[in-house]
Protein backbone atom coordinates (compact mmCIF):
# COMPACT_ATOMS: atom_id res chain seq x y z
CA MET A 1 76.66 176.18 -62.21
CA LYS A 2 77.69 180.01 -62.18
CA ILE A 3 79.38 181.24 -60.41
CA LEU A 4 78.02 184.19 -57.80
CA LYS A 5 78.76 187.89 -58.24
CA ASN A 6 81.89 188.63 -56.66
CA LYS A 7 82.79 184.58 -55.39
CA LYS A 8 85.58 182.55 -56.23
CA ILE A 9 86.83 179.15 -56.91
CA TYR A 10 89.74 177.48 -54.88
CA PHE A 11 91.79 174.40 -55.20
CA ALA A 12 93.89 173.07 -52.21
CA SER A 13 96.24 169.62 -53.00
CA ASP A 14 99.12 167.54 -51.13
CA GLN A 15 99.32 169.11 -47.74
CA HIS A 16 100.10 165.25 -46.38
CA PHE A 17 99.23 165.99 -42.77
CA GLY A 18 100.72 163.96 -40.39
CA ALA A 19 103.63 164.37 -41.84
CA PRO A 20 107.09 163.85 -41.85
CA ASN A 21 105.77 163.87 -37.96
CA LEU A 22 102.37 165.13 -35.99
CA GLU A 23 105.18 168.76 -35.56
CA ALA A 24 105.97 169.67 -38.38
CA SER A 25 102.11 169.05 -39.16
CA LYS A 26 100.81 170.94 -36.83
CA VAL A 27 102.43 173.95 -38.20
CA ARG A 28 101.57 173.39 -41.67
CA GLU A 29 97.73 172.18 -40.16
CA LYS A 30 97.38 175.38 -38.53
CA ILE A 31 98.96 177.28 -41.87
CA PHE A 32 96.43 175.55 -43.72
CA LEU A 33 93.38 176.77 -41.35
CA ASN A 34 94.47 180.09 -41.55
CA TRP A 35 94.43 180.11 -44.61
CA LEU A 36 90.46 178.05 -45.15
CA ASP A 37 89.38 181.18 -42.64
CA GLU A 38 90.14 183.84 -45.32
CA ILE A 39 89.00 182.44 -48.16
CA GLU A 40 85.75 181.73 -46.30
CA LYS A 41 84.34 185.11 -46.55
CA ASP A 42 84.49 184.40 -51.26
CA ALA A 43 84.74 180.90 -52.11
CA PHE A 44 82.30 179.67 -54.08
CA VAL A 45 84.17 176.24 -54.65
CA LEU A 46 86.89 174.83 -53.32
CA PHE A 47 88.26 171.87 -54.78
CA LEU A 48 90.27 169.47 -52.79
CA LEU A 49 93.07 167.95 -55.02
CA GLY A 50 93.55 164.04 -52.30
CA ASP A 51 95.98 164.13 -50.35
CA LEU A 52 94.75 165.73 -47.83
CA PHE A 53 96.58 163.42 -44.75
CA ASP A 54 99.34 161.24 -45.97
CA PHE A 55 97.52 158.69 -44.80
CA TRP A 56 93.85 158.11 -44.76
CA PHE A 57 92.66 154.54 -43.86
CA GLU A 58 88.76 154.25 -42.89
CA TYR A 59 86.31 151.52 -41.59
CA LYS A 60 83.54 151.21 -42.10
CA HIS A 61 82.88 152.72 -38.82
CA VAL A 62 86.02 154.28 -37.66
CA VAL A 63 88.39 156.66 -39.45
CA PRO A 64 92.37 157.63 -38.84
CA LYS A 65 92.62 159.63 -35.51
CA GLY A 66 93.68 163.60 -35.13
CA PHE A 67 92.66 165.93 -37.35
CA VAL A 68 89.72 167.15 -35.39
CA ARG A 69 90.40 171.03 -36.25
CA VAL A 70 90.97 169.94 -40.35
CA LEU A 71 87.91 168.39 -40.51
CA GLY A 72 85.49 170.46 -37.91
CA LYS A 73 86.63 174.06 -40.16
CA LEU A 74 86.22 171.95 -43.68
CA ALA A 75 82.39 170.69 -42.29
CA ASN A 76 81.83 174.32 -41.36
CA LEU A 77 82.17 176.01 -44.44
CA ALA A 78 79.80 172.92 -46.06
CA ASP A 79 77.57 174.21 -43.21
CA ASN A 80 77.89 177.30 -43.98
CA GLY A 81 77.20 176.55 -48.45
CA ILE A 82 80.23 176.19 -49.77
CA LYS A 83 80.46 173.49 -51.33
CA ILE A 84 83.22 171.53 -51.68
CA HIS A 85 84.60 168.72 -53.83
CA TYR A 86 87.38 165.92 -52.33
CA PHE A 87 89.32 163.95 -55.29
CA VAL A 88 90.79 161.01 -53.54
CA GLY A 89 94.18 160.82 -54.10
CA ASN A 90 97.13 158.20 -53.73
CA HIS A 91 97.16 158.74 -49.83
CA ASP A 92 93.67 158.50 -49.75
CA LEU A 93 92.38 155.60 -51.50
CA TRP A 94 90.41 154.00 -48.79
CA MET A 95 87.76 157.10 -48.23
CA ARG A 96 84.26 155.26 -48.13
CA ASN A 97 81.86 157.12 -46.92
CA TYR A 98 82.53 159.86 -43.97
CA PHE A 99 83.10 163.06 -46.61
CA GLU A 100 80.14 163.10 -48.02
CA ARG A 101 77.42 161.16 -44.70
CA GLU A 102 80.41 164.03 -41.93
CA LEU A 103 81.15 166.93 -43.84
CA GLY A 104 78.83 167.56 -46.48
CA ILE A 105 81.42 167.09 -48.81
CA SER A 106 80.73 164.88 -52.21
CA VAL A 107 84.28 162.71 -52.72
CA TYR A 108 84.81 161.44 -56.70
CA HIS A 109 86.98 158.46 -57.04
CA LYS A 110 88.32 159.63 -60.14
CA PRO A 111 88.82 162.47 -62.33
CA MET A 112 85.44 164.59 -63.15
CA ASP A 113 84.71 167.78 -65.46
CA PHE A 114 83.14 170.57 -64.00
CA SER A 115 81.17 173.35 -66.32
CA ILE A 116 82.08 176.83 -64.47
CA ASP A 117 80.88 179.56 -66.16
CA ASP A 118 81.00 178.66 -69.25
CA THR A 119 84.37 176.76 -69.22
CA THR A 120 84.82 173.44 -68.74
CA PHE A 121 87.49 171.75 -65.95
CA PHE A 122 89.18 168.18 -65.50
CA ILE A 123 89.91 167.88 -62.36
CA GLY A 124 91.23 165.22 -60.50
CA HIS A 125 94.58 164.45 -58.46
CA GLY A 126 96.68 163.12 -61.24
CA ASP A 127 97.54 159.74 -59.91
CA GLY A 128 97.96 157.24 -62.44
CA LEU A 129 96.34 159.11 -65.42
CA GLY A 130 99.64 159.19 -67.51
CA PRO A 131 100.38 155.65 -70.32
CA ASP A 132 103.70 155.08 -68.27
CA ASP A 133 104.16 153.92 -64.51
CA LYS A 134 102.64 150.09 -64.74
CA GLY A 135 104.04 148.87 -61.36
CA TYR A 136 101.29 152.00 -60.24
CA LYS A 137 98.06 151.47 -61.24
CA LEU A 138 98.46 147.41 -61.34
CA ILE A 139 99.16 148.17 -57.25
CA LYS A 140 96.45 150.31 -57.36
CA LYS A 141 93.37 148.17 -58.94
CA ILE A 142 94.72 145.89 -55.93
CA PHE A 143 94.54 148.74 -53.55
CA VAL A 144 90.88 149.69 -54.66
CA ASN A 145 89.62 145.92 -55.21
CA PRO A 146 86.83 144.79 -52.16
């Protein structure tokens, strides 16, 4: 992937919208939306590294209510040609295809390599990648089992 002149790569992770409560979350949500407005001017690609919401459980035909402004803004960015990559985190393990189908966002359940301007980046959420934490790795296998 080659970055166009005057374009940038942006990263965001662990907003945990919804926590600790909706009132506090709304304040952070507004800051995040303002940031998305700012980066829209020069963004080439946006990497969202998981846990955008404090909890996301997506059924086949139903998604969690709320956060419409964030979802709408992300869809708008994607519609305007900004490529968005979402890496599932430990608070959104149950993500299915809503982001891809409805928002135009690529979703990854494992870290991936990306080559950008002759540089390779290893990108992912990061949970469960270290050699330890066997308990979490076991429970994650149970959580993601269909």
